[in-house]
Amino acid sequence: MAYPRMKTCPTCNSDDRLGVYTYESGWRHVECTKCNYMGPGEGSIRQAIKSHNEKWEERRTVYLEANEVAFLAEDATRY
């Protein structure tokens, strides 16, 4: 069975450090070992990847907006 292609990590944009991990509880998450991102918990590998991909745009936007505010605040303290 082929799984859907995973989108990159929404926080660090890495694709080579992503994997699906299964916890003792049976939940599976897409995780990034570079930045410790953890996607939504699901009951199957396929659904974990699908949920990660569906939430990607929303999480990427939130991350970029948060960092833009932080960068602007940092620039303001320089002058």
N, C-alpha and C. Protein backbone atom coordinates (compact mmCIF):
# COMPACT_ATOMS: atom_id res chain seq x y z
N MET A 1 0.84 -1.17 0.00
CA MET A 1 0.00 0.00 0.00
C MET A 1 0.89 1.24 0.00
N ALA A 2 0.66 2.12 -0.93
CA ALA A 2 1.43 3.36 -1.01
C ALA A 2 0.76 4.43 -0.15
N TYR A 3 1.59 5.17 0.55
CA TYR A 3 1.08 6.25 1.39
C TYR A 3 1.16 7.57 0.63
N PRO A 4 0.34 8.55 1.02
CA PRO A 4 0.42 9.86 0.39
C PRO A 4 1.79 10.50 0.63
N ARG A 5 2.19 11.35 -0.26
CA ARG A 5 3.45 12.08 -0.09
C ARG A 5 3.28 13.13 1.00
N MET A 6 4.23 13.18 1.93
CA MET A 6 4.16 14.16 3.02
C MET A 6 4.66 15.51 2.56
N LYS A 7 3.94 16.55 2.96
CA LYS A 7 4.45 17.90 2.74
C LYS A 7 5.60 18.14 3.71
N THR A 8 6.37 19.18 3.47
CA THR A 8 7.51 19.49 4.34
C THR A 8 7.04 19.90 5.73
N CYS A 9 7.98 20.03 6.63
CA CYS A 9 7.66 20.48 7.99
C CYS A 9 7.17 21.92 7.92
N PRO A 10 6.03 22.24 8.55
CA PRO A 10 5.52 23.61 8.47
C PRO A 10 6.34 24.63 9.26
N THR A 11 7.18 24.19 10.18
CA THR A 11 7.95 25.15 10.95
C THR A 11 9.36 25.37 10.41
N CYS A 12 10.06 24.29 10.05
CA CYS A 12 11.45 24.48 9.57
C CYS A 12 11.61 24.17 8.09
N ASN A 13 10.55 23.74 7.44
CA ASN A 13 10.52 23.45 6.00
C ASN A 13 11.40 22.27 5.60
N SER A 14 11.84 21.47 6.56
CA SER A 14 12.65 20.29 6.27
C SER A 14 11.77 19.17 5.75
N ASP A 15 12.30 18.37 4.85
CA ASP A 15 11.55 17.19 4.42
C ASP A 15 12.33 15.90 4.68
N ASP A 16 13.63 16.02 4.92
CA ASP A 16 14.43 14.82 5.14
C ASP A 16 14.44 14.37 6.60
N ARG A 17 13.86 15.15 7.50
CA ARG A 17 13.84 14.79 8.92
C ARG A 17 12.42 14.47 9.41
N LEU A 18 11.49 14.28 8.47
CA LEU A 18 10.10 13.95 8.83
C LEU A 18 9.90 12.44 8.84
N GLY A 19 9.06 12.00 9.74
CA GLY A 19 8.71 10.59 9.80
C GLY A 19 7.41 10.41 10.54
N VAL A 20 6.82 9.24 10.42
CA VAL A 20 5.61 8.92 11.17
C VAL A 20 6.02 8.04 12.33
N TYR A 21 5.70 8.48 13.54
CA TYR A 21 6.06 7.76 14.74
C TYR A 21 4.82 7.23 15.43
N THR A 22 4.92 6.04 15.98
CA THR A 22 3.80 5.41 16.69
C THR A 22 4.13 5.36 18.17
N TYR A 23 3.19 5.82 18.99
CA TYR A 23 3.37 5.82 20.43
C TYR A 23 2.71 4.60 21.06
N GLU A 24 3.02 4.34 22.32
CA GLU A 24 2.48 3.17 23.02
C GLU A 24 0.95 3.15 23.00
N SER A 25 0.36 4.31 22.98
CA SER A 25 -1.10 4.41 22.97
C SER A 25 -1.69 3.98 21.62
N GLY A 26 -0.84 3.86 20.60
CA GLY A 26 -1.30 3.48 19.27
C GLY A 26 -1.47 4.66 18.33
N TRP A 27 -1.44 5.89 18.86
CA TRP A 27 -1.57 7.07 18.02
C TRP A 27 -0.32 7.25 17.18
N ARG A 28 -0.51 7.73 15.97
CA ARG A 28 0.60 7.99 15.05
C ARG A 28 0.63 9.48 14.72
N HIS A 29 1.83 10.02 14.65
CA HIS A 29 2.02 11.45 14.37
C HIS A 29 3.12 11.60 13.33
N VAL A 30 2.97 12.59 12.46
CA VAL A 30 4.09 13.02 11.62
C VAL A 30 4.92 13.93 12.51
N GLU A 31 6.21 13.66 12.59
CA GLU A 31 7.10 14.46 13.44
C GLU A 31 8.36 14.85 12.68
N CYS A 32 8.92 15.98 13.07
CA CYS A 32 10.19 16.45 12.53
C CYS A 32 11.24 16.37 13.64
N THR A 33 12.31 15.63 13.38
CA THR A 33 13.35 15.50 14.39
C THR A 33 14.31 16.70 14.41
N LYS A 34 14.17 17.59 13.44
CA LYS A 34 15.02 18.78 13.40
C LYS A 34 14.50 19.86 14.34
N CYS A 35 13.18 20.09 14.33
CA CYS A 35 12.62 21.19 15.13
C CYS A 35 11.59 20.73 16.17
N ASN A 36 11.35 19.43 16.25
CA ASN A 36 10.40 18.83 17.20
C ASN A 36 8.94 19.13 16.91
N TYR A 37 8.63 19.46 15.67
CA TYR A 37 7.22 19.61 15.26
C TYR A 37 6.52 18.27 15.42
N MET A 38 5.26 18.30 15.88
CA MET A 38 4.44 17.09 15.97
C MET A 38 3.08 17.38 15.36
N GLY A 39 2.72 16.61 14.36
CA GLY A 39 1.43 16.76 13.70
C GLY A 39 0.30 16.14 14.51
N PRO A 40 -0.91 16.21 13.99
CA PRO A 40 -2.07 15.67 14.70
C PRO A 40 -1.96 14.16 14.89
N GLY A 41 -2.46 13.67 16.00
CA GLY A 41 -2.47 12.23 16.28
C GLY A 41 -3.61 11.54 15.55
N GLU A 42 -3.31 10.42 14.94
CA GLU A 42 -4.32 9.65 14.20
C GLU A 42 -4.12 8.16 14.45
N GLY A 43 -5.09 7.38 14.07
CA GLY A 43 -5.05 5.95 14.31
C GLY A 43 -4.29 5.14 13.27
N SER A 44 -3.98 5.74 12.12
CA SER A 44 -3.25 5.01 11.08
C SER A 44 -2.18 5.92 10.47
N ILE A 45 -1.21 5.29 9.83
CA ILE A 45 -0.14 6.05 9.18
C ILE A 45 -0.72 6.92 8.07
N ARG A 46 -1.58 6.33 7.25
CA ARG A 46 -2.19 7.07 6.15
C ARG A 46 -2.93 8.31 6.65
N GLN A 47 -3.72 8.15 7.72
CA GLN A 47 -4.50 9.27 8.24
C GLN A 47 -3.59 10.32 8.90
N ALA A 48 -2.51 9.89 9.53
CA ALA A 48 -1.56 10.84 10.13
C ALA A 48 -0.94 11.72 9.05
N ILE A 49 -0.55 11.12 7.93
CA ILE A 49 0.02 11.89 6.82
C ILE A 49 -1.04 12.81 6.22
N LYS A 50 -2.23 12.28 6.03
CA LYS A 50 -3.31 13.09 5.45
C LYS A 50 -3.63 14.30 6.34
N SER A 51 -3.72 14.09 7.65
CA SER A 51 -4.01 15.20 8.57
C SER A 51 -2.89 16.22 8.58
N HIS A 52 -1.64 15.74 8.56
CA HIS A 52 -0.48 16.64 8.49
C HIS A 52 -0.58 17.51 7.24
N ASN A 53 -0.85 16.89 6.10
CA ASN A 53 -0.94 17.63 4.84
C ASN A 53 -2.09 18.62 4.83
N GLU A 54 -3.24 18.23 5.40
CA GLU A 54 -4.41 19.11 5.43
C GLU A 54 -4.19 20.32 6.33
N LYS A 55 -3.46 20.16 7.41
CA LYS A 55 -3.22 21.25 8.37
C LYS A 55 -1.98 22.07 8.02
N TRP A 56 -1.24 21.65 7.00
CA TRP A 56 0.05 22.26 6.69
C TRP A 56 -0.05 23.77 6.46
N GLU A 57 -0.95 24.19 5.58
CA GLU A 57 -1.05 25.61 5.22
C GLU A 57 -1.38 26.46 6.44
N GLU A 58 -2.32 25.99 7.25
CA GLU A 58 -2.71 26.72 8.45
C GLU A 58 -1.53 26.85 9.43
N ARG A 59 -0.84 25.76 9.67
CA ARG A 59 0.29 25.78 10.61
C ARG A 59 1.45 26.62 10.07
N ARG A 60 1.70 26.55 8.77
CA ARG A 60 2.78 27.33 8.17
C ARG A 60 2.49 28.82 8.29
N THR A 61 1.25 29.21 8.03
CA THR A 61 0.85 30.61 8.13
C THR A 61 1.00 31.12 9.55
N VAL A 62 0.53 30.36 10.53
CA VAL A 62 0.64 30.76 11.94
C VAL A 62 2.11 30.90 12.32
N TYR A 63 2.94 29.95 11.92
CA TYR A 63 4.36 30.00 12.24
C TYR A 63 5.02 31.24 11.64
N LEU A 64 4.75 31.51 10.37
CA LEU A 64 5.37 32.66 9.71
C LEU A 64 4.90 33.97 10.31
N GLU A 65 3.61 34.07 10.63
CA GLU A 65 3.09 35.29 11.25
C GLU A 65 3.72 35.52 12.61
N ALA A 66 3.86 34.48 13.40
CA ALA A 66 4.46 34.60 14.73
C ALA A 66 5.92 35.05 14.62
N ASN A 67 6.64 34.49 13.67
CA ASN A 67 8.03 34.87 13.51
C ASN A 67 8.20 36.25 12.91
N GLU A 68 7.27 36.66 12.07
CA GLU A 68 7.33 38.01 11.52
C GLU A 68 7.20 39.03 12.64
N VAL A 69 6.29 38.81 13.57
CA VAL A 69 6.12 39.70 14.72
C VAL A 69 7.40 39.71 15.55
N ALA A 70 7.99 38.55 15.77
CA ALA A 70 9.23 38.46 16.55
C ALA A 70 10.37 39.19 15.84
N PHE A 71 10.48 39.03 14.52
CA PHE A 71 11.53 39.71 13.77
C PHE A 71 11.33 41.22 13.79
N LEU A 72 10.08 41.67 13.67
CA LEU A 72 9.81 43.11 13.71
C LEU A 72 10.15 43.68 15.08
N ALA A 73 9.82 42.96 16.14
CA ALA A 73 10.13 43.42 17.49
C ALA A 73 11.65 43.47 17.70
N GLU A 74 12.36 42.50 17.17
CA GLU A 74 13.81 42.48 17.29
C GLU A 74 14.42 43.65 16.53
N ASP A 75 13.92 43.95 15.34
CA ASP A 75 14.42 45.08 14.57
C ASP A 75 14.16 46.40 15.28
N ALA A 76 13.01 46.51 15.95
CA ALA A 76 12.66 47.75 16.63
C ALA A 76 13.62 48.04 17.79
N THR A 77 14.15 47.01 18.41
CA THR A 77 15.06 47.23 19.54
C THR A 77 16.47 47.59 19.08
N ARG A 78 16.75 47.39 17.82
CA ARG A 78 18.09 47.71 17.30
C ARG A 78 18.29 49.21 17.08
N TYR A 79 17.20 49.93 16.90
CA TYR A 79 17.34 51.35 16.55
C TYR A 79 16.92 52.26 17.65
